């Protein structure tokens, strides 16, 4: 698949490409992620400030989800800008997998976001789970039909999936249902997923990369996490050659793989740095070094759903 690029001049002068999705709409090639992780709770306005700073710095894409509990903050920030200037992605949570539950769930997100539509709505996980913790075995095909309903109702322009594997997407297509425009998965130096990327390229499905920094920050890395870290001498030397930071090099590498990274930060300077990655290209030698860090290591394996019939990852992975 050849992704068609158009370019938007950001406020700080960087050029941000947008990818043409398979339904004709365009997705900006980087987004501010708004999931704060399990150890950081949103305050009353920290995400609102981050989204505001991001759009002022040149982002035109914000990725969020109902389960993050920050949609209202995102909505308050977005009200400061023209709605049509920002691409909004949000996601359906696991306890709303029944087809009849999808549109009401999206309407709640739209109310939170203070908008009449989102640009992209994703099934967050193929794993259904009721609020009491028990499993909902609703077939994700039924959930997908609910997203099609939501699109037909004009509540979202595009629909896609998150944390689905190749076989799950194939099953959607084999049943004659609308093709997802996007797949959002974990993707970073330690988990580069070349086979999945190649599959999505062949199917003209845009890939979005969450947890793009993986384990490069020592404060967030487990002792068992593979290298590199942000202070790795080879990484520091590489970043210095481009007059960039190590996180910027990592994000650039993901962009050159053809994916849309979703870096998250609550720090104004880092938010600005993370979008400033479209004015340089990596050498082939540097890309080969970065490729060598791929260890098929998943930062967020979600083992708590390991016995769910629709668990999407390899069950042979060890804890």
Protein backbone atom coordinates (compact mmCIF):
# COMPACT_ATOMS: atom_id res chain seq x y z
CA UNK A 1 0.00 0.00 0.00
CA UNK A 2 1.29 3.43 -0.91
CA UNK A 3 0.21 5.94 1.67
CA UNK A 4 -0.64 9.24 0.02
CA UNK A 5 0.76 12.17 1.96
CA UNK A 6 -0.38 15.73 2.14
CA UNK A 7 1.42 18.22 4.29
CA UNK A 8 0.31 20.72 6.90
CA UNK A 9 2.60 23.45 8.17
CA UNK A 10 2.60 23.37 11.95
CA UNK A 11 2.74 26.43 14.15
CA UNK A 12 6.37 25.75 15.02
CA UNK A 13 7.39 25.18 11.37
CA UNK A 14 7.54 21.38 11.25
CA UNK A 15 5.77 19.63 8.39
CA UNK A 16 3.32 16.92 9.48
CA UNK A 17 2.09 14.41 6.89
CA UNK A 18 -1.39 12.94 6.84
CA UNK A 19 -2.12 9.43 5.62
CA UNK A 20 -5.02 8.72 3.31
CA UNK A 21 -7.06 5.91 4.85
CA UNK A 22 -8.92 3.29 2.85
CA UNK A 23 -12.23 5.18 3.17
CA UNK A 24 -10.78 8.38 1.71
CA UNK A 25 -10.41 10.36 4.94
CA UNK A 26 -6.97 11.46 6.12
CA UNK A 27 -5.31 10.77 9.45
CA UNK A 28 -2.51 13.03 10.78
CA UNK A 29 0.72 11.07 11.13
CA UNK A 30 1.17 11.66 14.86
CA UNK A 31 -1.29 12.05 17.73
CA UNK A 32 -1.15 13.13 21.33
CA UNK A 33 -1.94 10.08 23.45
CA UNK A 34 -4.05 10.74 26.53
CA UNK A 35 -3.80 7.46 28.45
CA UNK A 36 -1.81 8.30 31.56
CA UNK A 37 -1.06 4.73 32.52
CA UNK A 38 -2.03 2.80 35.61
CA UNK A 39 0.20 4.81 37.96
CA UNK A 40 -0.84 8.34 36.98
CA UNK A 41 -4.32 9.59 37.74
CA UNK A 42 -5.77 12.56 35.87
CA UNK A 43 -6.15 15.75 37.85
CA UNK A 44 -8.96 18.18 37.09
CA UNK A 45 -7.14 19.80 34.18
CA UNK A 46 -3.75 18.20 33.44
CA UNK A 47 -4.97 16.49 30.27
CA UNK A 48 -6.89 19.60 29.21
CA UNK A 49 -3.65 21.58 29.43
CA UNK A 50 -1.72 18.90 27.55
CA UNK A 51 -4.22 18.83 24.68
CA UNK A 52 -4.24 22.62 24.51
CA UNK A 53 -0.43 22.77 24.39
CA UNK A 54 -0.36 20.01 21.79
CA UNK A 55 -2.69 21.75 19.37
CA UNK A 56 -0.82 25.01 19.87
CA UNK A 57 2.41 23.15 19.07
CA UNK A 58 1.02 21.80 15.80
CA UNK A 59 -0.71 18.51 16.60
CA UNK A 60 -3.95 18.02 14.70
CA UNK A 61 -4.77 14.57 16.13
CA UNK A 62 -5.77 13.58 19.67
CA UNK A 63 -6.19 9.93 20.71
CA UNK A 64 -8.35 9.13 23.70
CA UNK A 65 -10.81 6.51 25.00
CA UNK A 66 -13.80 6.29 27.31
CA UNK A 67 -11.89 4.10 29.79
CA UNK A 68 -9.15 6.73 30.20
CA UNK A 69 -11.67 8.91 32.06
CA UNK A 70 -10.30 12.05 30.42
CA UNK A 71 -12.71 12.59 27.51
CA UNK A 72 -14.29 15.55 29.30
CA UNK A 73 -10.89 17.24 29.68
CA UNK A 74 -10.15 16.57 26.01
CA UNK A 75 -13.51 18.08 25.11
CA UNK A 76 -12.86 21.25 27.12
CA UNK A 77 -9.53 21.71 25.35
CA UNK A 78 -10.99 21.11 21.91
CA UNK A 79 -13.63 23.78 22.43
CA UNK A 80 -10.82 26.35 22.21
CA UNK A 81 -10.15 25.42 18.57
CA UNK A 82 -12.06 24.83 15.36
CA UNK A 83 -13.56 21.34 15.44
CA UNK A 84 -12.70 20.66 11.80
CA UNK A 85 -9.01 21.37 12.48
CA UNK A 86 -8.58 18.43 14.88
CA UNK A 87 -8.84 14.69 14.17
CA UNK A 88 -10.36 12.95 17.22
CA UNK A 89 -9.99 9.24 17.93
CA UNK A 90 -11.80 7.54 20.80
CA UNK A 91 -12.63 3.94 21.70
CA UNK A 92 -15.43 1.62 22.80
CA UNK A 93 -14.79 -0.11 26.11
CA UNK A 94 -15.11 -3.85 26.77
CA UNK A 95 -18.41 -3.68 28.69
CA UNK A 96 -20.29 -2.28 25.70
CA UNK A 97 -19.69 -5.03 23.15
CA UNK A 98 -23.34 -5.84 22.44
CA UNK A 99 -24.31 -4.39 19.08
CA UNK A 100 -27.15 -2.45 20.68
CA UNK A 101 -24.76 -0.89 23.21
CA UNK A 102 -22.34 0.66 20.72
CA UNK A 103 -24.28 3.75 19.66
CA UNK A 104 -25.29 4.69 23.26
CA UNK A 105 -21.65 4.29 24.32
CA UNK A 106 -20.45 6.52 21.49
CA UNK A 107 -23.13 9.11 22.28
CA UNK A 108 -21.77 9.26 25.83
CA UNK A 109 -18.26 9.83 24.50
CA UNK A 110 -19.55 12.55 22.17
CA UNK A 111 -21.22 14.26 25.11
CA UNK A 112 -17.95 14.09 27.04
CA UNK A 113 -15.99 15.43 24.07
CA UNK A 114 -18.57 18.18 23.35
CA UNK A 115 -18.79 17.27 19.68
CA UNK A 116 -21.37 15.76 17.35
CA UNK A 117 -18.97 13.24 15.77
CA UNK A 118 -15.53 11.73 16.10
CA UNK A 119 -13.19 11.17 13.20
CA UNK A 120 -12.32 7.61 14.23
CA UNK A 121 -14.02 5.15 16.57
CA UNK A 122 -12.21 1.97 17.57
CA UNK A 123 -13.12 -1.26 19.34
CA UNK A 124 -10.62 -0.89 22.19
CA UNK A 125 -10.12 -4.65 22.69
CA UNK A 126 -11.72 -7.74 21.13
CA UNK A 127 -12.20 -8.95 24.70
CA UNK A 128 -15.67 -8.38 26.12
CA UNK A 129 -16.02 -8.08 29.88
CA UNK A 130 -18.98 -7.09 32.04
CA UNK A 131 -18.68 -4.47 34.75
CA UNK A 132 -18.64 -7.19 37.43
CA UNK A 133 -15.49 -8.62 35.88
CA UNK A 134 -17.06 -11.68 34.28
CA UNK A 135 -16.42 -12.31 30.61
CA UNK A 136 -18.80 -11.22 27.90
CA UNK A 137 -18.36 -13.67 25.03
CA UNK A 138 -20.17 -11.46 22.52
CA UNK A 139 -18.62 -12.11 19.12
CA UNK A 140 -16.52 -9.11 18.09
CA UNK A 141 -18.22 -9.37 14.68
CA UNK A 142 -21.42 -8.21 16.39
CA UNK A 143 -19.51 -5.38 18.04
CA UNK A 144 -18.08 -4.45 14.64
CA UNK A 145 -21.61 -4.37 13.19
CA UNK A 146 -22.43 -1.91 15.97
CA UNK A 147 -19.59 0.35 14.83
CA UNK A 148 -20.90 0.16 11.27
CA UNK A 149 -24.28 1.26 12.64
CA UNK A 150 -22.61 4.19 14.39
CA UNK A 151 -20.87 5.23 11.18
CA UNK A 152 -24.11 5.00 9.22
CA UNK A 153 -25.74 7.18 11.88
CA UNK A 154 -23.12 9.89 11.27
CA UNK A 155 -21.62 9.65 14.76
CA UNK A 156 -18.16 8.75 13.46
CA UNK A 157 -16.55 9.28 10.11
CA UNK A 158 -14.31 6.22 10.20
CA UNK A 159 -14.17 2.97 12.16
CA UNK A 160 -11.32 0.70 13.14
CA UNK A 161 -10.01 -1.76 15.69
CA UNK A 162 -7.42 -1.83 18.44
CA UNK A 163 -5.47 -4.82 19.79
CA UNK A 164 -6.87 -7.14 17.11
CA UNK A 165 -4.60 -9.71 15.47
CA UNK A 166 -4.36 -10.58 11.79
CA UNK A 167 -6.73 -13.55 12.05
CA UNK A 168 -9.39 -11.39 13.70
CA UNK A 169 -9.21 -8.81 10.92
CA UNK A 170 -9.30 -11.58 8.31
CA UNK A 171 -12.47 -12.91 9.93
CA UNK A 172 -14.13 -9.47 9.63
CA UNK A 173 -13.27 -9.41 5.93
CA UNK A 174 -14.25 -13.04 5.31
CA UNK A 175 -17.70 -12.27 6.68
CA UNK A 176 -18.15 -9.54 4.09
CA UNK A 177 -18.12 -6.70 6.60
CA UNK A 178 -16.64 -3.25 6.10
CA UNK A 179 -12.87 -3.15 6.27
CA UNK A 180 -11.36 -1.33 9.27
CA UNK A 181 -9.48 1.81 8.27
CA UNK A 182 -7.05 1.51 11.16
CA UNK A 183 -5.48 -0.90 13.62
CA UNK A 184 -4.07 0.47 16.87
CA UNK A 185 -1.51 -1.77 18.57
CA UNK A 186 1.51 -1.56 20.82
CA UNK A 187 4.54 -0.82 18.69
CA UNK A 188 7.99 0.36 19.81
CA UNK A 189 11.66 -0.59 19.50
CA UNK A 190 11.19 -3.82 21.45
CA UNK A 191 7.95 -4.79 19.65
CA UNK A 192 8.14 -3.84 15.97
CA UNK A 193 5.70 -6.45 14.59
CA UNK A 194 7.00 -6.55 10.99
CA UNK A 195 4.61 -9.32 9.87
CA UNK A 196 1.57 -7.43 11.15
CA UNK A 197 2.79 -4.20 9.57
CA UNK A 198 3.27 -5.94 6.25
CA UNK A 199 -0.21 -7.46 6.47
CA UNK A 200 -1.78 -4.07 7.16
CA UNK A 201 0.16 -2.52 4.31
CA UNK A 202 -1.20 -5.17 1.94
CA UNK A 203 -4.75 -4.60 3.22
CA UNK A 204 -4.44 -0.79 3.16
CA UNK A 205 -5.08 -0.50 6.91
CA UNK A 206 -3.37 2.38 8.71
CA UNK A 207 -1.42 1.31 11.82
CA UNK A 208 -1.40 3.43 14.97
CA UNK A 209 1.31 2.78 17.59
CA UNK A 210 0.55 3.10 21.28
CA UNK A 211 3.29 2.93 23.93
CA UNK A 212 5.73 4.14 21.25
CA UNK A 213 8.55 4.66 23.77
CA UNK A 214 8.29 1.13 25.15
CA UNK A 215 10.91 0.72 27.86
CA UNK A 216 13.38 3.45 26.92
CA UNK A 217 12.72 5.44 30.11
CA UNK A 218 14.37 3.71 33.09
CA UNK A 219 11.66 4.90 35.48
CA UNK A 220 9.04 2.97 33.49
CA UNK A 221 11.08 -0.07 32.45
CA UNK A 222 10.96 -3.42 34.21
CA UNK A 223 14.22 -5.09 35.16
CA UNK A 224 13.50 -7.72 32.53
CA UNK A 225 12.80 -5.20 29.76
CA UNK A 226 15.24 -5.42 26.84
CA UNK A 227 17.49 -2.47 25.93
CA UNK A 228 17.90 0.24 24.87
CA UNK A 229 17.31 2.97 27.44
CA UNK A 230 17.24 6.67 26.75
CA UNK A 231 20.83 7.04 28.03
CA UNK A 232 22.23 4.22 25.88
CA UNK A 233 25.49 5.59 24.35
CA UNK A 234 24.63 4.41 20.84
CA UNK A 235 21.21 6.04 21.04
CA UNK A 236 22.61 9.28 22.47
CA UNK A 237 25.24 9.42 19.72
CA UNK A 238 22.59 8.81 17.09
CA UNK A 239 20.35 11.57 18.42
CA UNK A 240 23.29 13.97 18.61
CA UNK A 241 24.05 13.42 14.92
CA UNK A 242 20.56 14.62 14.03
CA UNK A 243 20.48 17.37 16.66
CA UNK A 244 17.47 15.63 18.19
CA UNK A 245 16.61 13.83 21.42
CA UNK A 246 16.52 10.04 21.76
CA UNK A 247 12.69 10.04 22.05
CA UNK A 248 12.49 12.09 18.85
CA UNK A 249 14.68 9.53 17.06
CA UNK A 250 12.43 6.72 18.28
CA UNK A 251 9.30 8.48 17.06
CA UNK A 252 10.95 9.23 13.72
CA UNK A 253 11.82 5.56 13.30
CA UNK A 254 8.19 4.59 13.84
CA UNK A 255 7.08 7.18 11.30
CA UNK A 256 9.54 5.74 8.79
CA UNK A 257 8.00 2.31 9.44
CA UNK A 258 4.77 3.88 8.18
CA UNK A 259 2.87 3.96 11.47
CA UNK A 260 1.20 6.77 13.44
CA UNK A 261 2.84 7.07 16.89
CA UNK A 262 0.77 8.18 19.88
CA UNK A 263 3.26 9.70 22.33
CA UNK A 264 1.83 10.95 25.61
CA UNK A 265 3.14 13.63 27.92
CA UNK A 266 1.88 16.18 30.40
CA UNK A 267 4.98 18.37 29.98
CA UNK A 268 4.68 21.30 27.58
CA UNK A 269 8.29 21.16 26.29
CA UNK A 270 8.15 17.40 25.67
CA UNK A 271 4.82 17.67 23.89
CA UNK A 272 6.41 20.19 21.52
CA UNK A 273 9.51 18.05 21.04
CA UNK A 274 7.50 14.95 20.21
CA UNK A 275 5.80 16.56 17.21
CA UNK A 276 9.04 18.08 15.91
CA UNK A 277 10.16 14.95 14.02
CA UNK A 278 9.27 15.65 10.41
CA UNK A 279 12.33 17.68 9.39
CA UNK A 280 14.90 14.86 9.25
CA UNK A 281 15.31 11.29 8.03
CA UNK A 282 17.26 8.40 9.49
CA UNK A 283 20.16 6.81 7.66
CA UNK A 284 19.90 3.19 6.60
CA UNK A 285 22.65 2.27 9.04
CA UNK A 286 20.79 3.87 11.95
CA UNK A 287 17.55 2.17 10.95
CA UNK A 288 19.29 -1.20 10.96
CA UNK A 289 20.54 -0.59 14.50
CA UNK A 290 17.06 0.41 15.65
CA UNK A 291 15.61 -2.65 13.94
CA UNK A 292 17.99 -4.87 15.93
CA UNK A 293 16.25 -3.89 19.18
CA UNK A 294 13.11 -5.81 18.18
CA UNK A 295 12.76 -8.65 20.71
CA UNK A 296 9.01 -9.32 20.35
CA UNK A 297 8.72 -8.00 23.92
CA UNK A 298 5.23 -6.78 24.80
CA UNK A 299 5.02 -4.03 27.41
CA UNK A 300 1.25 -4.41 27.90
CA UNK A 301 0.34 -8.11 27.46
CA UNK A 302 -2.85 -7.95 29.55
CA UNK A 303 -2.42 -11.43 31.00
CA UNK A 304 -5.57 -10.91 33.07
CA UNK A 305 -7.54 -11.79 29.94
CA UNK A 306 -5.36 -14.72 28.94
CA UNK A 307 -8.19 -17.25 29.15
CA UNK A 308 -10.74 -15.12 27.28
CA UNK A 309 -11.77 -16.78 23.99
CA UNK A 310 -10.87 -13.61 22.10
CA UNK A 311 -7.53 -12.90 23.79
CA UNK A 312 -5.61 -11.43 20.84
CA UNK A 313 -1.96 -12.17 21.67
CA UNK A 314 0.14 -15.31 21.67
CA UNK A 315 -0.78 -17.44 24.66
CA UNK A 316 2.66 -19.03 24.57
CA UNK A 317 4.24 -15.77 25.76
CA UNK A 318 5.70 -16.22 29.22
CA UNK A 319 4.93 -13.90 32.09
